[in-house]
Amino acid sequence: MKRSIELMAVAAAVLLFGFATSTPAQNLAGASVASPRIRSGEGRVTIPESSKAKPGDAGVRAHANVLVFELKAGKPDEAPPYSGFGFETPASLACVYHLVPFTWGCNPNNPALTNPTGGSNTIAIVDAFDDPNATSDLGTFSTQFNLPAATFTVVYATGTKPSLDPTGGWELEESLDIEWVHAMAPKAEIYLVEAASDNDADLLQAVSVASNLVRCGSKSACPGTATGTGEVVMSWGGGEDPSETSADVYFTTPGVVYFAASGDAPGVEYPCASPNVVCTGGTTTARNPYTGDFLYELTWEDGGGGASFYEPIPSYQSSIRSIRRRVGYARGVPDLSFDSNPDTGVWVYDSNDYEGAPADWTIVGGTSVASASLAGVVNSAGHFASSSAAELTTIYGHLGVWNDFHDIVAGICGPYAGWVATMGWDFCTGVGSAVGYGGK
């Protein structure tokens, strides 16, 4: 009964506010009621070992932010988008977020949908351990979804190949990151920088290498006259720790904008809480269970967010009165959001063993989807801010601009599900989700 009441409340909010990002006139019945019923999307969400936070990790070890959606009936033999399923592809999310010309329903099974075509300069992705199949898996993903071949290089942060993650979870994270960065910015040059382990010290060393690759085209230090610009993606995080402010300097390389995932559970993660990082939260892209057509976007109740315990409010947030009322003197997260709910997950190809069994096409969610994808969207916007703070000043300067950001006004999140999405910035989705390339 309680669940029914919650769903009725969400449906009422949808009807009241009309918050379908792509189809304002669309109703809960969907756009293609005459279409054949799509296959069941029933299943369960599992958490890889690499994505589990453990006691004592804060300030010492980071975890991935990827979750797996396992279909109850199992996967068909053909490659995705499996006929009749409503899980997300590069083209379907490009449609939802108006990165390409809009097609009614943004249905993943519609062959008329088109992929993003932008991207330039450099995006460097930082992850832990080695993904030996990264290059070939990215090629398989690109071929399947009609993306151009990627300009892609793997770099070992220490100069020595890291070991494998024995659970396969970090390899899945790496596949997600490189494939969805490429999906949203197919013309950008991509580096995967592999840290020796998931310890904070190793990951931050890899961030320095990634920053130099974006800025200088080299993993070693370069002269101050370097002019490269681009993005660094950090889809991992850990609990906040009093020492975190001393690490904020790692995210200040000129010409580099840093992206991090807000986390897949209520609360605040670092480095997402850093004022020098664009913190990306999660949403749900709800689809009609009979047709697969896009209905509306609402919060993902498990997405991370809140007010930092240790980071002070930055100028780009303190200048907006509505945010200041919510966060007081603390840094508030997330900044903006993207589909991350594993129930409305994205396709990823990973040929590495995952938890002792061979893997291939997998439906995944988690705010790693948001950090990778939004880094690609901002790259494709082509403005290349001088820093994360400059990028965030632009984003917050367009708060409430309907053709730049979709203000998500329904759904819950946070500890004890105690926060509610509201008009304007909130702890669930920040300024909302992307609409096109404006204001980014």
Protein backbone atom coordinates (compact mmCIF):
# COMPACT_ATOMS: atom_id res chain seq x y z
CA MET A 1 0.00 0.00 0.00
CA LYS A 2 2.79 2.44 0.89
CA ARG A 3 4.52 1.83 -2.44
CA SER A 4 1.22 2.39 -4.28
CA ILE A 5 0.75 5.70 -2.50
CA GLU A 6 4.30 6.78 -3.43
CA LEU A 7 3.73 5.93 -7.08
CA MET A 8 0.42 7.76 -7.10
CA ALA A 9 2.16 10.81 -5.65
CA VAL A 10 4.83 10.73 -8.35
CA ALA A 11 2.21 10.31 -11.07
CA ALA A 12 0.26 13.23 -9.67
CA ALA A 13 3.38 15.37 -9.69
CA VAL A 14 4.05 14.41 -13.31
CA LEU A 15 0.57 15.48 -14.33
CA LEU A 16 0.75 18.64 -12.24
CA PHE A 17 4.11 19.92 -13.42
CA GLY A 18 4.28 18.31 -16.88
CA PHE A 19 7.94 17.48 -16.51
CA ALA A 20 8.66 15.26 -19.52
CA THR A 21 12.00 16.63 -20.68
CA SER A 22 11.40 15.95 -24.32
CA THR A 23 7.65 15.81 -24.75
CA PRO A 24 5.77 18.40 -22.68
CA ALA A 25 2.38 17.30 -24.00
CA GLN A 26 3.01 13.61 -23.42
CA ASN A 27 0.92 11.80 -20.81
CA LEU A 28 1.39 8.67 -18.77
CA ALA A 29 -0.14 6.49 -21.46
CA GLY A 30 2.88 7.12 -23.71
CA ALA A 31 3.17 8.11 -27.33
CA SER A 32 2.80 4.76 -29.07
CA VAL A 33 0.03 2.89 -27.31
CA ALA A 34 -0.66 0.88 -30.46
CA SER A 35 2.87 -0.57 -30.49
CA PRO A 36 3.39 -4.20 -29.47
CA ARG A 37 4.11 -4.71 -25.80
CA ILE A 38 7.84 -4.65 -25.14
CA ARG A 39 9.55 -7.49 -23.33
CA SER A 40 9.58 -7.60 -19.58
CA GLY A 41 12.18 -5.40 -17.95
CA GLU A 42 11.89 -7.32 -14.68
CA GLY A 43 15.09 -8.08 -12.86
CA ARG A 44 17.23 -7.26 -9.86
CA VAL A 45 20.02 -4.80 -9.12
CA THR A 46 23.33 -6.15 -7.82
CA ILE A 47 26.28 -4.25 -6.38
CA PRO A 48 29.75 -5.27 -7.58
CA GLU A 49 32.33 -5.76 -4.84
CA SER A 50 34.29 -2.83 -6.25
CA SER A 51 31.28 -0.55 -5.66
CA LYS A 52 30.80 -1.42 -1.98
CA ALA A 53 31.90 1.10 0.64
CA LYS A 54 33.52 -0.55 3.62
CA PRO A 55 34.17 0.67 7.18
CA GLY A 56 37.42 2.58 7.41
CA ASP A 57 37.56 3.44 3.70
CA ALA A 58 36.94 7.18 4.07
CA GLY A 59 40.12 9.08 3.25
CA VAL A 60 41.94 5.84 2.37
CA ARG A 61 40.19 3.92 -0.40
CA ALA A 62 37.66 4.76 -3.08
CA HIS A 63 34.95 2.59 -4.58
CA ALA A 64 33.45 2.51 -8.05
CA ASN A 65 29.95 3.86 -8.72
CA VAL A 66 28.50 1.27 -11.06
CA LEU A 67 25.54 -1.05 -10.44
CA VAL A 68 24.37 -4.03 -12.52
CA PHE A 69 20.80 -4.74 -13.58
CA GLU A 70 20.29 -8.47 -14.12
CA LEU A 71 17.27 -9.44 -16.23
CA LYS A 72 15.08 -12.03 -14.53
CA ALA A 73 14.56 -13.90 -17.79
CA GLY A 74 18.19 -13.63 -18.91
CA LYS A 75 19.61 -11.88 -21.97
CA PRO A 76 18.68 -12.88 -25.52
CA ASP A 77 21.37 -14.07 -27.90
CA GLU A 78 21.37 -11.05 -30.20
CA ALA A 79 23.29 -7.85 -29.53
CA PRO A 80 21.51 -4.77 -28.11
CA PRO A 81 19.34 -2.93 -28.35
CA TYR A 82 17.58 -6.25 -27.88
CA SER A 83 14.35 -6.15 -29.81
CA GLY A 84 11.60 -4.87 -27.56
CA PHE A 85 13.62 -3.83 -24.49
CA GLY A 86 13.58 -0.25 -23.25
CA PHE A 87 17.09 0.14 -21.83
CA GLU A 88 19.13 3.12 -22.94
CA THR A 89 21.47 3.48 -25.91
CA PRO A 90 23.65 6.43 -26.99
CA ALA A 91 20.97 7.48 -29.48
CA SER A 92 18.02 7.16 -27.08
CA LEU A 93 19.67 9.33 -24.41
CA ALA A 94 20.90 11.80 -27.01
CA CYS A 95 17.23 12.14 -27.97
CA VAL A 96 16.00 12.46 -24.38
CA TYR A 97 18.54 15.22 -23.64
CA HIS A 98 18.04 17.07 -26.95
CA LEU A 99 21.62 16.52 -28.10
CA VAL A 100 20.26 15.53 -31.52
CA PRO A 101 17.03 16.42 -33.36
CA PHE A 102 14.12 15.19 -31.29
CA THR A 103 12.14 12.09 -32.33
CA TRP A 104 8.88 11.40 -30.48
CA GLY A 105 9.26 8.74 -27.79
CA CYS A 106 13.10 8.56 -27.97
CA ASN A 107 12.56 4.80 -28.19
CA PRO A 108 15.79 2.74 -28.06
CA ASN A 109 14.33 0.37 -30.67
CA ASN A 110 13.67 3.16 -33.19
CA PRO A 111 16.33 2.91 -35.95
CA ALA A 112 15.66 6.54 -36.93
CA LEU A 113 17.33 7.85 -33.75
CA THR A 114 20.75 9.41 -34.28
CA ASN A 115 23.90 9.59 -32.17
CA PRO A 116 25.76 12.68 -30.98
CA THR A 117 28.45 13.77 -33.45
CA GLY A 118 30.47 16.32 -31.48
CA GLY A 119 33.57 16.36 -29.35
CA SER A 120 37.10 17.72 -29.64
CA ASN A 121 40.28 18.15 -27.64
CA THR A 122 40.92 15.62 -24.85
CA ILE A 123 39.04 13.71 -22.18
CA ALA A 124 41.08 11.67 -19.68
CA ILE A 125 39.39 8.99 -17.55
CA VAL A 126 40.91 7.89 -14.24
CA ASP A 127 40.13 4.41 -12.91
CA ALA A 128 41.81 1.76 -10.78
CA PHE A 129 43.49 -1.48 -11.93
CA ASP A 130 43.94 -2.70 -15.50
CA ASP A 131 41.31 -3.40 -18.12
CA PRO A 132 43.18 -5.59 -20.64
CA ASN A 133 40.30 -5.55 -23.13
CA ALA A 134 39.55 -1.82 -23.00
CA THR A 135 40.48 -1.08 -26.61
CA SER A 136 38.70 -4.04 -28.19
CA ASP A 137 35.59 -3.61 -26.00
CA LEU A 138 35.34 0.05 -26.96
CA GLY A 139 35.57 -1.00 -30.60
CA THR A 140 32.76 -3.55 -30.18
CA PHE A 141 30.56 -0.95 -28.46
CA SER A 142 31.23 1.63 -31.18
CA THR A 143 30.46 -0.80 -33.99
CA GLN A 144 27.25 -2.01 -32.38
CA PHE A 145 25.85 1.48 -31.89
CA ASN A 146 27.17 2.96 -35.16
CA LEU A 147 29.65 5.28 -33.48
CA PRO A 148 32.89 6.27 -35.24
CA ALA A 149 36.10 4.56 -34.20
CA ALA A 150 37.58 6.22 -31.13
CA THR A 151 40.95 7.90 -30.79
CA PHE A 152 41.87 6.04 -27.62
CA THR A 153 45.00 5.36 -25.56
CA VAL A 154 45.59 3.48 -22.31
CA VAL A 155 48.18 5.00 -19.96
CA TYR A 156 49.59 3.39 -16.81
CA ALA A 157 49.82 6.08 -14.13
CA THR A 158 53.03 4.67 -12.63
CA GLY A 159 54.52 3.53 -15.95
CA THR A 160 53.86 -0.12 -14.99
CA LYS A 161 50.74 -2.06 -15.93
CA PRO A 162 48.49 -2.42 -12.86
CA SER A 163 47.13 -5.75 -11.74
CA LEU A 164 43.61 -6.91 -12.53
CA ASP A 165 40.73 -6.42 -10.14
CA PRO A 166 40.03 -10.08 -9.27
CA THR A 167 36.28 -9.41 -9.03
CA GLY A 168 36.08 -7.75 -12.46
CA GLY A 169 34.14 -4.80 -11.04
CA TRP A 170 36.71 -2.12 -11.86
CA GLU A 171 37.03 -3.47 -15.40
CA LEU A 172 33.26 -3.02 -15.77
CA GLU A 173 33.62 0.54 -14.45
CA GLU A 174 36.34 1.26 -17.00
CA SER A 175 34.24 -0.13 -19.84
CA LEU A 176 31.30 2.05 -18.78
CA ASP A 177 33.44 5.18 -18.54
CA ILE A 178 35.27 4.95 -21.85
CA GLU A 179 32.23 3.79 -23.83
CA TRP A 180 29.86 6.49 -22.59
CA VAL A 181 32.42 9.28 -22.83
CA HIS A 182 32.88 8.22 -26.44
CA ALA A 183 29.13 7.95 -26.98
CA MET A 184 28.56 11.57 -25.95
CA ALA A 185 31.74 13.04 -27.48
CA PRO A 186 32.72 10.70 -30.33
CA LYS A 187 35.31 13.08 -31.84
CA ALA A 188 37.24 13.74 -28.63
CA GLU A 189 40.59 12.08 -27.99
CA ILE A 190 40.23 9.74 -25.00
CA TYR A 191 42.83 8.55 -22.52
CA LEU A 192 42.21 5.86 -19.92
CA VAL A 193 44.64 6.45 -17.05
CA GLU A 194 44.91 3.33 -14.91
CA ALA A 195 45.89 3.81 -11.27
CA ALA A 196 47.88 1.10 -9.53
CA SER A 197 45.03 0.43 -7.08
CA ASP A 198 41.84 1.92 -5.66
CA ASN A 199 43.72 3.57 -2.79
CA ASP A 200 43.20 7.31 -2.71
CA ALA A 201 46.92 8.02 -3.04
CA ASP A 202 47.18 5.96 -6.24
CA LEU A 203 44.02 7.47 -7.73
CA LEU A 204 45.15 11.03 -7.00
CA GLN A 205 48.52 10.30 -8.61
CA ALA A 206 46.61 9.12 -11.67
CA VAL A 207 44.56 12.35 -11.62
CA SER A 208 47.80 14.32 -11.90
CA VAL A 209 48.83 12.20 -14.89
CA ALA A 210 45.41 12.66 -16.48
CA SER A 211 45.55 16.42 -15.93
CA ASN A 212 48.88 16.63 -17.72
CA LEU A 213 47.57 14.56 -20.61
CA VAL A 214 44.68 16.97 -21.09
CA ARG A 215 46.77 20.09 -20.62
CA CYS A 216 50.02 19.07 -22.25
CA GLY A 217 49.51 15.91 -24.27
CA SER A 218 52.07 14.27 -21.99
CA LYS A 219 51.82 12.37 -18.72
CA SER A 220 54.82 14.24 -17.28
CA ALA A 221 54.93 17.83 -16.09
CA CYS A 222 54.87 20.44 -18.85
CA PRO A 223 55.65 24.17 -19.14
CA GLY A 224 53.16 26.74 -17.95
CA THR A 225 52.66 27.81 -21.55
CA ALA A 226 50.71 24.64 -22.36
CA THR A 227 47.36 25.44 -23.97
CA GLY A 228 45.45 22.14 -23.99
CA THR A 229 41.91 22.07 -22.62
CA GLY A 230 39.45 19.31 -21.84
CA GLU A 231 38.00 17.18 -19.09
CA VAL A 232 39.07 14.62 -16.47
CA VAL A 233 36.51 11.99 -15.40
CA MET A 234 36.56 10.45 -11.91
CA SER A 235 33.62 8.06 -11.57
CA TRP A 236 34.71 6.82 -8.16
CA GLY A 237 34.55 8.23 -4.65
CA GLY A 238 34.53 7.58 -0.96
CA GLY A 239 33.12 8.93 2.26
CA GLU A 240 34.10 12.41 3.36
CA ASP A 241 37.11 12.81 5.62
CA PRO A 242 38.50 15.86 7.48
CA SER A 243 41.71 15.70 5.42
CA GLU A 244 39.93 15.96 2.06
CA THR A 245 40.37 19.71 1.65
CA SER A 246 44.12 19.19 1.31
CA ALA A 247 43.46 17.13 -1.85
CA ASP A 248 41.41 19.85 -3.57
CA VAL A 249 44.59 21.17 -5.20
CA TYR A 250 44.69 18.06 -7.43
CA PHE A 251 41.70 19.45 -9.33
CA THR A 252 43.09 22.88 -10.23
CA THR A 253 45.15 22.36 -13.39
CA PRO A 254 44.40 25.33 -15.69
CA GLY A 255 42.22 24.48 -18.69
CA VAL A 256 40.90 21.25 -17.15
CA VAL A 257 37.33 20.68 -15.93
CA TYR A 258 36.95 17.77 -13.49
CA PHE A 259 33.86 15.55 -13.22
CA ALA A 260 33.07 13.12 -10.39
CA ALA A 261 30.11 10.89 -9.51
CA SER A 262 27.93 11.84 -6.53
CA GLY A 263 27.58 8.21 -5.41
CA ASP A 264 24.97 5.47 -5.47
CA ALA A 265 23.62 5.80 -1.94
CA PRO A 266 22.29 8.67 0.18
CA GLY A 267 24.95 11.08 1.37
CA VAL A 268 27.99 13.00 0.13
CA GLU A 269 31.12 11.55 -1.49
CA TYR A 270 34.57 12.94 -2.18
CA PRO A 271 35.99 14.06 -4.63
CA CYS A 272 32.50 15.03 -5.79
CA ALA A 273 32.22 17.39 -2.80
CA SER A 274 35.29 19.37 -3.85
CA PRO A 275 34.44 22.91 -5.00
CA ASN A 276 36.92 22.28 -7.82
CA VAL A 277 34.86 19.43 -9.28
CA VAL A 278 31.59 19.22 -11.23
CA CYS A 279 29.53 16.82 -9.12
CA THR A 280 27.15 14.71 -11.23
CA GLY A 281 24.01 13.20 -9.74
CA GLY A 282 21.50 10.63 -10.96
CA THR A 283 18.02 10.64 -12.44
CA THR A 284 15.46 8.12 -13.70
CA THR A 285 14.35 8.16 -17.33
CA ALA A 286 10.95 6.53 -16.99
CA ARG A 287 9.58 4.65 -20.04
CA ASN A 288 6.18 3.25 -20.90
CA PRO A 289 6.29 -0.47 -19.97
CA TYR A 290 4.03 -1.33 -22.93
CA THR A 291 5.85 0.59 -25.67
CA GLY A 292 9.29 1.64 -24.44
CA ASP A 293 8.55 5.29 -25.21
CA PHE A 294 10.05 7.96 -22.97
CA LEU A 295 7.58 9.39 -20.47
CA TYR A 296 9.31 11.72 -18.03
CA GLU A 297 12.41 12.22 -15.93
CA LEU A 298 12.43 12.23 -12.13
CA THR A 299 14.93 11.74 -9.34
CA TRP A 300 16.81 8.53 -8.68
CA GLU A 301 16.16 7.96 -5.00
CA ASP A 302 19.54 6.27 -4.43
CA GLY A 303 21.65 9.02 -5.99
CA GLY A 304 24.16 10.77 -3.72
CA GLY A 305 23.79 14.36 -2.62
CA GLY A 306 23.71 16.72 0.33
CA ALA A 307 25.78 19.34 2.11
CA SER A 308 29.49 18.70 2.68
CA PHE A 309 30.77 18.38 6.22
CA TYR A 310 34.15 19.92 5.37
CA GLU A 311 34.02 21.92 2.13
CA PRO A 312 32.80 25.55 2.35
CA ILE A 313 30.24 26.91 -0.06
CA PRO A 314 31.93 28.16 -3.26
CA SER A 315 31.19 31.55 -4.80
CA TYR A 316 29.22 30.07 -7.71
CA GLN A 317 26.68 28.68 -5.21
CA SER A 318 26.77 31.39 -2.54
CA SER A 319 25.64 34.01 -5.04
CA ILE A 320 22.31 32.16 -5.55
CA ARG A 321 19.99 32.85 -2.64
CA SER A 322 17.84 29.73 -3.08
CA ILE A 323 20.91 27.49 -2.81
CA ARG A 324 22.33 29.38 0.14
CA ARG A 325 19.11 28.81 2.06
CA ARG A 326 19.48 25.04 1.61
CA VAL A 327 23.21 24.54 2.18
CA GLY A 328 24.10 27.32 4.62
CA TYR A 329 27.87 27.70 4.59
CA ALA A 330 28.63 24.28 3.07
CA ARG A 331 29.29 23.06 -0.45
CA GLY A 332 26.07 21.50 -1.79
CA VAL A 333 25.97 18.61 -4.28
CA PRO A 334 25.18 17.48 -6.92
CA ASP A 335 25.58 20.22 -9.53
CA LEU A 336 23.71 18.60 -12.43
CA SER A 337 22.40 15.15 -13.27
CA PHE A 338 21.90 12.43 -15.89
CA ASP A 339 20.17 9.05 -16.10
CA SER A 340 21.80 6.74 -13.53
CA ASN A 341 19.06 4.50 -12.19
CA PRO A 342 19.98 0.88 -13.05
CA ASP A 343 16.27 0.17 -13.57
CA THR A 344 16.54 2.56 -16.54
CA GLY A 345 20.13 1.57 -17.23
CA VAL A 346 22.47 1.81 -20.20
CA TRP A 347 24.14 -0.86 -22.31
CA VAL A 348 27.86 -1.51 -21.77
CA TYR A 349 30.13 -4.06 -23.41
CA ASP A 350 32.72 -5.72 -21.16
CA SER A 351 34.38 -8.98 -22.24
CA ASN A 352 36.37 -9.43 -19.02
CA ASP A 353 35.36 -11.96 -16.42
CA TYR A 354 32.97 -10.45 -13.91
CA GLU A 355 32.73 -12.10 -10.48
CA GLY A 356 34.01 -15.40 -11.82
CA ALA A 357 31.96 -15.65 -15.01
CA PRO A 358 32.44 -14.40 -18.58
CA ALA A 359 30.72 -11.07 -19.28
CA ASP A 360 29.57 -9.37 -22.46
CA TRP A 361 26.64 -6.97 -22.89
CA THR A 362 25.50 -5.70 -19.51
CA ILE A 363 22.82 -3.27 -18.32
CA VAL A 364 24.39 -0.90 -15.82
CA GLY A 365 23.51 2.17 -13.80
CA GLY A 366 25.07 4.27 -11.09
CA THR A 367 26.25 7.87 -11.13
CA SER A 368 29.31 6.76 -13.09
CA VAL A 369 26.96 6.92 -16.08
CA ALA A 370 26.36 10.57 -15.24
CA SER A 371 30.01 11.58 -14.74
CA ALA A 372 31.19 9.95 -17.97
CA SER A 373 28.25 11.08 -20.08
CA LEU A 374 28.11 14.66 -18.81
CA ALA A 375 31.84 15.09 -19.34
CA GLY A 376 31.18 14.12 -22.96
CA VAL A 377 28.22 16.52 -23.22
CA VAL A 378 30.24 19.44 -21.84
CA ASN A 379 33.14 18.57 -24.14
CA SER A 380 30.80 18.55 -27.14
CA ALA A 381 29.40 21.94 -26.11
CA GLY A 382 32.82 23.23 -27.14
CA HIS A 383 33.23 26.11 -24.68
CA PHE A 384 36.18 24.61 -22.75
CA ALA A 385 36.15 26.58 -19.51
CA SER A 386 39.40 27.54 -17.84
CA SER A 387 38.55 25.57 -14.69
CA SER A 388 35.80 23.60 -12.99
CA ALA A 389 34.81 26.73 -11.07
CA ALA A 390 34.44 28.63 -14.35
CA GLU A 391 32.34 25.81 -15.81
CA LEU A 392 30.15 25.73 -12.71
CA THR A 393 29.76 29.52 -12.78
CA THR A 394 28.30 29.11 -16.28
CA ILE A 395 26.03 26.24 -15.21
CA TYR A 396 24.67 28.07 -12.17
CA GLY A 397 24.32 31.23 -14.20
CA HIS A 398 21.79 29.35 -16.37
CA LEU A 399 19.85 27.85 -13.46
CA GLY A 400 16.18 27.92 -14.40
CA VAL A 401 16.79 28.47 -18.12
CA TRP A 402 14.39 25.87 -19.50
CA ASN A 403 16.15 25.33 -22.85
CA ASP A 404 19.52 24.70 -21.12
CA PHE A 405 18.51 22.59 -18.11
CA HIS A 406 15.46 20.53 -17.23
CA ASP A 407 14.38 21.36 -13.69
CA ILE A 408 13.31 18.05 -12.13
CA VAL A 409 10.49 18.71 -9.69
CA ALA A 410 9.28 15.29 -8.60
CA GLY A 411 10.84 12.43 -6.68
CA ILE A 412 12.74 11.85 -3.46
CA CYS A 413 16.33 11.19 -2.39
CA GLY A 414 18.67 11.52 0.57
CA PRO A 415 18.98 9.97 4.02
CA TYR A 416 15.68 8.37 5.07
CA ALA A 417 14.33 9.53 1.67
CA GLY A 418 13.92 12.87 3.42
CA TRP A 419 14.62 15.26 0.53
CA VAL A 420 12.15 16.09 -2.18
CA ALA A 421 12.92 17.48 -5.64
CA THR A 422 11.76 21.07 -5.85
CA MET A 423 11.77 23.92 -8.33
CA GLY A 424 15.29 25.30 -8.67
CA TRP A 425 18.41 23.64 -7.24
CA ASP A 426 17.99 20.75 -4.81
CA PHE A 427 19.98 17.95 -3.16
CA CYS A 428 18.48 15.32 -5.49
CA THR A 429 19.51 16.57 -8.96
CA GLY A 430 21.22 19.95 -8.52
CA VAL A 431 20.16 22.31 -11.30
CA GLY A 432 18.50 19.36 -13.07
CA SER A 433 19.52 17.52 -16.22
CA ALA A 434 20.97 18.71 -19.50
CA VAL A 435 18.91 20.10 -22.35
CA GLY A 436 21.08 20.50 -25.44
CA TYR A 437 24.49 22.15 -25.29
CA GLY A 438 23.57 25.60 -24.03
CA GLY A 439 24.71 26.84 -20.63
CA LYS A 440 27.51 24.27 -20.37
